[in-house]
């Protein structure tokens, strides 16, 4: 499953452009998702120097991802272009309808959704 994850207020507590601390459970959830074979894309509006700061912060804090604001190569091949809009099966963002549910709830929802998704495929 391809999972796009926002940075500010989702992976970290922040007051843009300041980065304060990693959200509780974020590092563990990201490691677990990748260990289970999910493809994690850092999906953020940060660009330039601010994006570099976010990526460096993630690397320094053991926050793992597969790509940065870039589509999975299989999706690029499938659709014939690398659209600005990131393709994902799941988008994790603090701006979700209803707000950010916390990393444990996110992990639980993905596992439940993964089982349902497999049934549909």
N, C-alpha and C. Protein backbone atom coordinates (compact mmCIF):
# COMPACT_ATOMS: atom_id res chain seq x y z
N UNK A 1 0.85 -1.17 0.00
CA UNK A 1 0.00 0.00 0.00
C UNK A 1 0.90 1.24 0.00
N UNK A 2 0.54 2.23 -0.78
CA UNK A 2 1.27 3.50 -0.81
C UNK A 2 0.61 4.44 0.18
N UNK A 3 1.42 4.99 1.09
CA UNK A 3 0.91 5.87 2.14
C UNK A 3 1.63 7.21 2.06
N UNK A 4 0.88 8.28 1.86
CA UNK A 4 1.42 9.64 1.83
C UNK A 4 1.22 10.26 3.21
N UNK A 5 2.31 10.77 3.80
CA UNK A 5 2.27 11.29 5.16
C UNK A 5 2.72 12.75 5.18
N UNK A 6 1.86 13.60 5.71
CA UNK A 6 2.19 15.01 5.90
C UNK A 6 3.25 15.15 7.00
N UNK A 7 3.96 16.25 7.00
CA UNK A 7 5.02 16.48 7.99
C UNK A 7 4.53 17.31 9.18
N UNK A 8 4.22 18.59 8.94
CA UNK A 8 3.88 19.51 10.02
C UNK A 8 2.57 19.12 10.69
N UNK A 9 2.62 18.97 12.01
CA UNK A 9 1.49 18.62 12.87
C UNK A 9 0.96 17.20 12.64
N UNK A 10 1.65 16.42 11.80
CA UNK A 10 1.29 15.02 11.61
C UNK A 10 2.44 14.14 12.08
N UNK A 11 3.61 14.34 11.51
CA UNK A 11 4.80 13.61 11.97
C UNK A 11 5.42 14.34 13.16
N UNK A 12 5.40 15.66 13.10
CA UNK A 12 6.00 16.46 14.18
C UNK A 12 5.03 17.52 14.68
N UNK A 13 5.27 17.94 15.90
CA UNK A 13 4.62 19.15 16.41
C UNK A 13 5.45 20.31 15.88
N UNK A 14 4.80 21.32 15.38
CA UNK A 14 5.54 22.43 14.80
C UNK A 14 4.70 23.70 14.84
N UNK A 15 5.38 24.78 14.66
CA UNK A 15 4.75 26.07 14.42
C UNK A 15 5.54 26.61 13.24
N UNK A 16 5.07 26.29 12.04
CA UNK A 16 5.82 26.58 10.82
C UNK A 16 6.46 27.96 10.88
N UNK A 17 7.73 28.04 10.56
CA UNK A 17 8.64 27.01 10.06
C UNK A 17 9.38 26.22 11.15
N UNK A 18 9.11 26.53 12.41
CA UNK A 18 9.82 25.85 13.50
C UNK A 18 9.35 24.41 13.64
N UNK A 19 10.28 23.52 13.89
CA UNK A 19 9.98 22.11 14.16
C UNK A 19 10.25 21.90 15.63
N UNK A 20 9.23 21.46 16.38
CA UNK A 20 9.38 21.32 17.82
C UNK A 20 9.79 19.92 18.26
N UNK A 21 8.98 18.92 18.00
CA UNK A 21 9.29 17.56 18.44
C UNK A 21 8.48 16.56 17.64
N UNK A 22 8.92 15.32 17.68
CA UNK A 22 8.23 14.23 16.99
C UNK A 22 6.94 13.93 17.75
N UNK A 23 5.86 13.77 17.01
CA UNK A 23 4.58 13.39 17.63
C UNK A 23 4.71 12.02 18.26
N UNK A 24 4.06 11.84 19.37
CA UNK A 24 4.07 10.56 20.07
C UNK A 24 3.61 9.44 19.14
N UNK A 25 4.42 8.42 19.02
CA UNK A 25 4.08 7.25 18.22
C UNK A 25 4.42 7.33 16.75
N UNK A 26 4.84 8.51 16.26
CA UNK A 26 5.10 8.66 14.82
C UNK A 26 6.25 7.78 14.35
N UNK A 27 7.38 7.82 15.03
CA UNK A 27 8.55 7.05 14.60
C UNK A 27 8.24 5.56 14.58
N UNK A 28 7.61 5.08 15.63
CA UNK A 28 7.28 3.66 15.73
C UNK A 28 6.30 3.26 14.63
N UNK A 29 5.30 4.09 14.39
CA UNK A 29 4.29 3.77 13.37
C UNK A 29 4.91 3.75 11.98
N UNK A 30 5.75 4.74 11.68
CA UNK A 30 6.38 4.78 10.36
C UNK A 30 7.29 3.57 10.15
N UNK A 31 8.07 3.21 11.17
CA UNK A 31 8.94 2.03 11.06
C UNK A 31 8.10 0.77 10.86
N UNK A 32 7.03 0.64 11.62
CA UNK A 32 6.17 -0.53 11.52
C UNK A 32 5.51 -0.63 10.15
N UNK A 33 5.00 0.49 9.64
CA UNK A 33 4.35 0.48 8.33
C UNK A 33 5.33 0.03 7.25
N UNK A 34 6.54 0.56 7.28
CA UNK A 34 7.53 0.18 6.28
C UNK A 34 7.95 -1.28 6.45
N UNK A 35 8.08 -1.74 7.69
CA UNK A 35 8.46 -3.13 7.96
C UNK A 35 7.39 -4.10 7.43
N UNK A 36 6.15 -3.64 7.39
CA UNK A 36 5.05 -4.47 6.89
C UNK A 36 4.91 -4.38 5.37
N UNK A 37 5.84 -3.68 4.73
CA UNK A 37 5.84 -3.61 3.27
C UNK A 37 5.14 -2.42 2.66
N UNK A 38 4.66 -1.51 3.49
CA UNK A 38 4.02 -0.30 2.95
C UNK A 38 5.09 0.65 2.41
N UNK A 39 4.73 1.43 1.43
CA UNK A 39 5.61 2.39 0.78
C UNK A 39 5.21 3.77 1.30
N UNK A 40 6.10 4.43 2.02
CA UNK A 40 5.76 5.69 2.70
C UNK A 40 6.39 6.88 1.98
N UNK A 41 5.54 7.82 1.60
CA UNK A 41 5.99 9.04 0.92
C UNK A 41 5.80 10.22 1.86
N UNK A 42 6.87 10.97 2.10
CA UNK A 42 6.75 12.23 2.82
C UNK A 42 6.05 13.20 1.87
N UNK A 43 4.90 13.70 2.32
CA UNK A 43 4.01 14.50 1.47
C UNK A 43 3.78 15.82 2.19
N UNK A 44 4.50 16.85 1.77
CA UNK A 44 4.47 18.12 2.49
C UNK A 44 4.48 19.30 1.53
N UNK A 45 3.98 20.43 2.01
CA UNK A 45 4.03 21.67 1.24
C UNK A 45 5.38 22.37 1.40
N UNK A 46 6.20 21.89 2.33
CA UNK A 46 7.53 22.50 2.50
C UNK A 46 8.32 22.35 1.21
N UNK A 47 9.10 23.36 0.90
CA UNK A 47 9.97 23.29 -0.28
C UNK A 47 11.27 24.03 0.02
N UNK A 48 12.24 23.87 -0.85
CA UNK A 48 13.52 24.55 -0.69
C UNK A 48 14.18 24.24 0.64
N UNK A 49 14.68 25.30 1.28
CA UNK A 49 15.38 25.18 2.56
C UNK A 49 14.50 24.54 3.64
N UNK A 50 13.23 24.87 3.67
CA UNK A 50 12.32 24.33 4.68
C UNK A 50 12.10 22.82 4.49
N UNK A 51 12.07 22.36 3.24
CA UNK A 51 11.96 20.93 2.98
C UNK A 51 13.24 20.22 3.42
N UNK A 52 14.38 20.81 3.11
CA UNK A 52 15.66 20.24 3.54
C UNK A 52 15.70 20.11 5.06
N UNK A 53 15.23 21.13 5.78
CA UNK A 53 15.18 21.07 7.24
C UNK A 53 14.30 19.91 7.71
N UNK A 54 13.14 19.73 7.07
CA UNK A 54 12.23 18.65 7.45
C UNK A 54 12.86 17.28 7.19
N UNK A 55 13.45 17.10 6.03
CA UNK A 55 14.08 15.83 5.69
C UNK A 55 15.23 15.54 6.65
N UNK A 56 16.07 16.52 6.91
CA UNK A 56 17.19 16.33 7.84
C UNK A 56 16.68 15.99 9.24
N UNK A 57 15.61 16.64 9.66
CA UNK A 57 15.02 16.37 10.97
C UNK A 57 14.53 14.92 11.03
N UNK A 58 13.85 14.49 9.98
CA UNK A 58 13.35 13.12 9.97
C UNK A 58 14.50 12.12 10.03
N UNK A 59 15.52 12.34 9.23
CA UNK A 59 16.65 11.42 9.22
C UNK A 59 17.35 11.38 10.58
N UNK A 60 17.53 12.55 11.19
CA UNK A 60 18.21 12.63 12.49
C UNK A 60 17.40 11.97 13.60
N UNK A 61 16.08 11.84 13.40
CA UNK A 61 15.21 11.29 14.43
C UNK A 61 14.67 9.89 14.09
N UNK A 62 15.28 9.25 13.12
CA UNK A 62 14.89 7.88 12.78
C UNK A 62 13.51 7.76 12.19
N UNK A 63 13.03 8.80 11.54
CA UNK A 63 11.71 8.79 10.89
C UNK A 63 11.92 8.37 9.44
N UNK A 64 11.44 7.19 9.11
CA UNK A 64 11.75 6.58 7.83
C UNK A 64 10.69 6.83 6.77
N UNK A 65 11.14 6.97 5.53
CA UNK A 65 10.26 7.19 4.39
C UNK A 65 10.95 6.66 3.14
N UNK A 66 10.18 6.49 2.06
CA UNK A 66 10.73 5.97 0.81
C UNK A 66 10.95 7.04 -0.25
N UNK A 67 10.11 8.06 -0.25
CA UNK A 67 10.23 9.14 -1.23
C UNK A 67 9.81 10.45 -0.57
N UNK A 68 10.13 11.53 -1.26
CA UNK A 68 9.80 12.87 -0.76
C UNK A 68 9.04 13.61 -1.86
N UNK A 69 7.77 13.91 -1.61
CA UNK A 69 6.95 14.66 -2.58
C UNK A 69 7.11 14.13 -4.00
N UNK A 70 7.17 12.81 -4.12
CA UNK A 70 7.41 12.21 -5.43
C UNK A 70 6.64 10.89 -5.50
N UNK A 71 6.08 10.61 -6.65
CA UNK A 71 5.28 9.41 -6.83
C UNK A 71 6.11 8.14 -6.87
N UNK A 72 5.49 7.05 -6.46
CA UNK A 72 6.09 5.72 -6.56
C UNK A 72 6.39 5.47 -8.05
N UNK A 73 7.58 4.94 -8.37
CA UNK A 73 7.93 4.71 -9.78
C UNK A 73 6.91 3.86 -10.55
N UNK A 74 6.26 2.91 -9.89
CA UNK A 74 5.24 2.11 -10.57
C UNK A 74 4.05 2.95 -11.00
N UNK A 75 3.70 3.96 -10.20
CA UNK A 75 2.58 4.83 -10.56
C UNK A 75 2.97 5.75 -11.72
N UNK A 76 4.21 6.19 -11.74
CA UNK A 76 4.70 7.01 -12.85
C UNK A 76 4.62 6.20 -14.14
N UNK A 77 5.09 4.94 -14.07
CA UNK A 77 5.04 4.07 -15.25
C UNK A 77 3.60 3.79 -15.67
N UNK A 78 2.74 3.53 -14.69
CA UNK A 78 1.35 3.19 -14.98
C UNK A 78 0.62 4.33 -15.68
N UNK A 79 0.82 5.57 -15.18
CA UNK A 79 0.07 6.70 -15.71
C UNK A 79 0.86 7.52 -16.74
N UNK A 80 2.13 7.18 -16.95
CA UNK A 80 2.91 7.83 -17.99
C UNK A 80 3.43 9.21 -17.66
N UNK A 81 3.28 9.64 -16.40
CA UNK A 81 3.83 10.94 -16.00
C UNK A 81 3.99 10.97 -14.48
N UNK A 82 4.74 11.94 -14.02
CA UNK A 82 4.94 12.11 -12.59
C UNK A 82 4.21 13.39 -12.17
N UNK A 83 2.93 13.24 -11.95
CA UNK A 83 2.07 14.36 -11.60
C UNK A 83 2.51 15.04 -10.30
N UNK A 84 2.21 16.32 -10.18
CA UNK A 84 2.45 17.03 -8.91
C UNK A 84 1.63 16.41 -7.79
N UNK A 85 0.44 15.92 -8.14
CA UNK A 85 -0.41 15.29 -7.13
C UNK A 85 0.13 13.90 -6.84
N UNK A 86 0.44 13.65 -5.58
CA UNK A 86 1.00 12.37 -5.17
C UNK A 86 -0.12 11.33 -5.13
N UNK A 87 0.11 10.21 -5.83
CA UNK A 87 -0.84 9.11 -5.77
C UNK A 87 -0.54 8.29 -4.52
N UNK A 88 -1.59 7.97 -3.75
CA UNK A 88 -1.44 7.10 -2.58
C UNK A 88 -2.76 6.37 -2.36
N UNK A 89 -2.65 5.24 -1.66
CA UNK A 89 -3.85 4.51 -1.24
C UNK A 89 -4.43 5.14 0.02
N UNK A 90 -3.54 5.76 0.83
CA UNK A 90 -3.93 6.38 2.09
C UNK A 90 -3.16 7.69 2.24
N UNK A 91 -3.84 8.74 2.70
CA UNK A 91 -3.21 10.03 3.00
C UNK A 91 -3.37 10.29 4.49
N UNK A 92 -2.25 10.54 5.16
CA UNK A 92 -2.28 10.81 6.60
C UNK A 92 -1.91 12.27 6.79
N UNK A 93 -2.84 13.05 7.36
CA UNK A 93 -2.65 14.50 7.45
C UNK A 93 -3.45 15.03 8.64
N UNK A 94 -2.89 16.02 9.32
CA UNK A 94 -3.61 16.63 10.44
C UNK A 94 -4.84 17.40 9.97
N UNK A 95 -4.94 17.68 8.68
CA UNK A 95 -6.07 18.43 8.14
C UNK A 95 -7.20 17.52 7.68
N UNK A 96 -7.12 16.23 8.02
CA UNK A 96 -8.20 15.31 7.66
C UNK A 96 -9.52 15.81 8.25
N UNK A 97 -10.60 15.44 7.61
CA UNK A 97 -11.91 15.72 8.16
C UNK A 97 -11.99 15.02 9.51
N UNK A 98 -12.23 15.76 10.54
CA UNK A 98 -12.25 15.18 11.88
C UNK A 98 -10.94 15.32 12.63
N UNK A 99 -9.90 15.82 11.96
CA UNK A 99 -8.61 16.03 12.61
C UNK A 99 -7.74 14.78 12.63
N UNK A 100 -6.55 14.93 13.16
CA UNK A 100 -5.60 13.82 13.23
C UNK A 100 -5.96 12.91 14.40
N UNK A 101 -6.17 11.61 14.14
CA UNK A 101 -6.64 10.71 15.20
C UNK A 101 -5.55 10.16 16.12
N UNK A 102 -4.29 10.48 15.85
CA UNK A 102 -3.18 9.92 16.63
C UNK A 102 -2.60 8.71 15.92
N UNK A 103 -1.31 8.46 16.14
CA UNK A 103 -0.61 7.43 15.38
C UNK A 103 -1.10 6.02 15.67
N UNK A 104 -1.47 5.70 16.89
CA UNK A 104 -1.97 4.35 17.16
C UNK A 104 -3.25 4.10 16.40
N UNK A 105 -4.14 5.07 16.39
CA UNK A 105 -5.38 4.93 15.63
C UNK A 105 -5.11 4.83 14.13
N UNK A 106 -4.14 5.59 13.64
CA UNK A 106 -3.78 5.53 12.23
C UNK A 106 -3.32 4.12 11.88
N UNK A 107 -2.39 3.58 12.69
CA UNK A 107 -1.87 2.23 12.44
C UNK A 107 -3.00 1.20 12.46
N UNK A 108 -3.89 1.31 13.42
CA UNK A 108 -5.02 0.38 13.51
C UNK A 108 -5.93 0.50 12.28
N UNK A 109 -6.23 1.72 11.86
CA UNK A 109 -7.11 1.92 10.70
C UNK A 109 -6.48 1.37 9.43
N UNK A 110 -5.16 1.53 9.29
CA UNK A 110 -4.49 1.01 8.10
C UNK A 110 -4.55 -0.51 8.08
N UNK A 111 -4.35 -1.15 9.20
CA UNK A 111 -4.42 -2.61 9.25
C UNK A 111 -5.83 -3.10 8.94
N UNK A 112 -6.84 -2.44 9.48
CA UNK A 112 -8.23 -2.81 9.19
C UNK A 112 -8.52 -2.56 7.72
N UNK A 113 -8.11 -1.39 7.22
CA UNK A 113 -8.31 -1.05 5.82
C UNK A 113 -7.55 -1.97 4.89
N UNK A 114 -6.36 -2.39 5.30
CA UNK A 114 -5.55 -3.28 4.47
C UNK A 114 -6.27 -4.60 4.27
N UNK A 115 -6.88 -5.12 5.32
CA UNK A 115 -7.63 -6.37 5.21
C UNK A 115 -8.80 -6.19 4.25
N UNK A 116 -9.53 -5.09 4.36
CA UNK A 116 -10.67 -4.81 3.48
C UNK A 116 -10.20 -4.62 2.05
N UNK A 117 -9.08 -3.93 1.90
CA UNK A 117 -8.54 -3.63 0.58
C UNK A 117 -8.17 -4.93 -0.13
N UNK A 118 -7.55 -5.87 0.60
CA UNK A 118 -7.19 -7.16 0.02
C UNK A 118 -8.42 -7.92 -0.44
N UNK A 119 -9.50 -7.80 0.29
CA UNK A 119 -10.73 -8.49 -0.09
C UNK A 119 -11.30 -7.94 -1.40
N UNK A 120 -11.11 -6.65 -1.65
CA UNK A 120 -11.64 -6.01 -2.84
C UNK A 120 -10.80 -6.31 -4.07
N UNK A 121 -9.51 -6.58 -3.89
CA UNK A 121 -8.60 -6.76 -5.03
C UNK A 121 -8.70 -8.16 -5.58
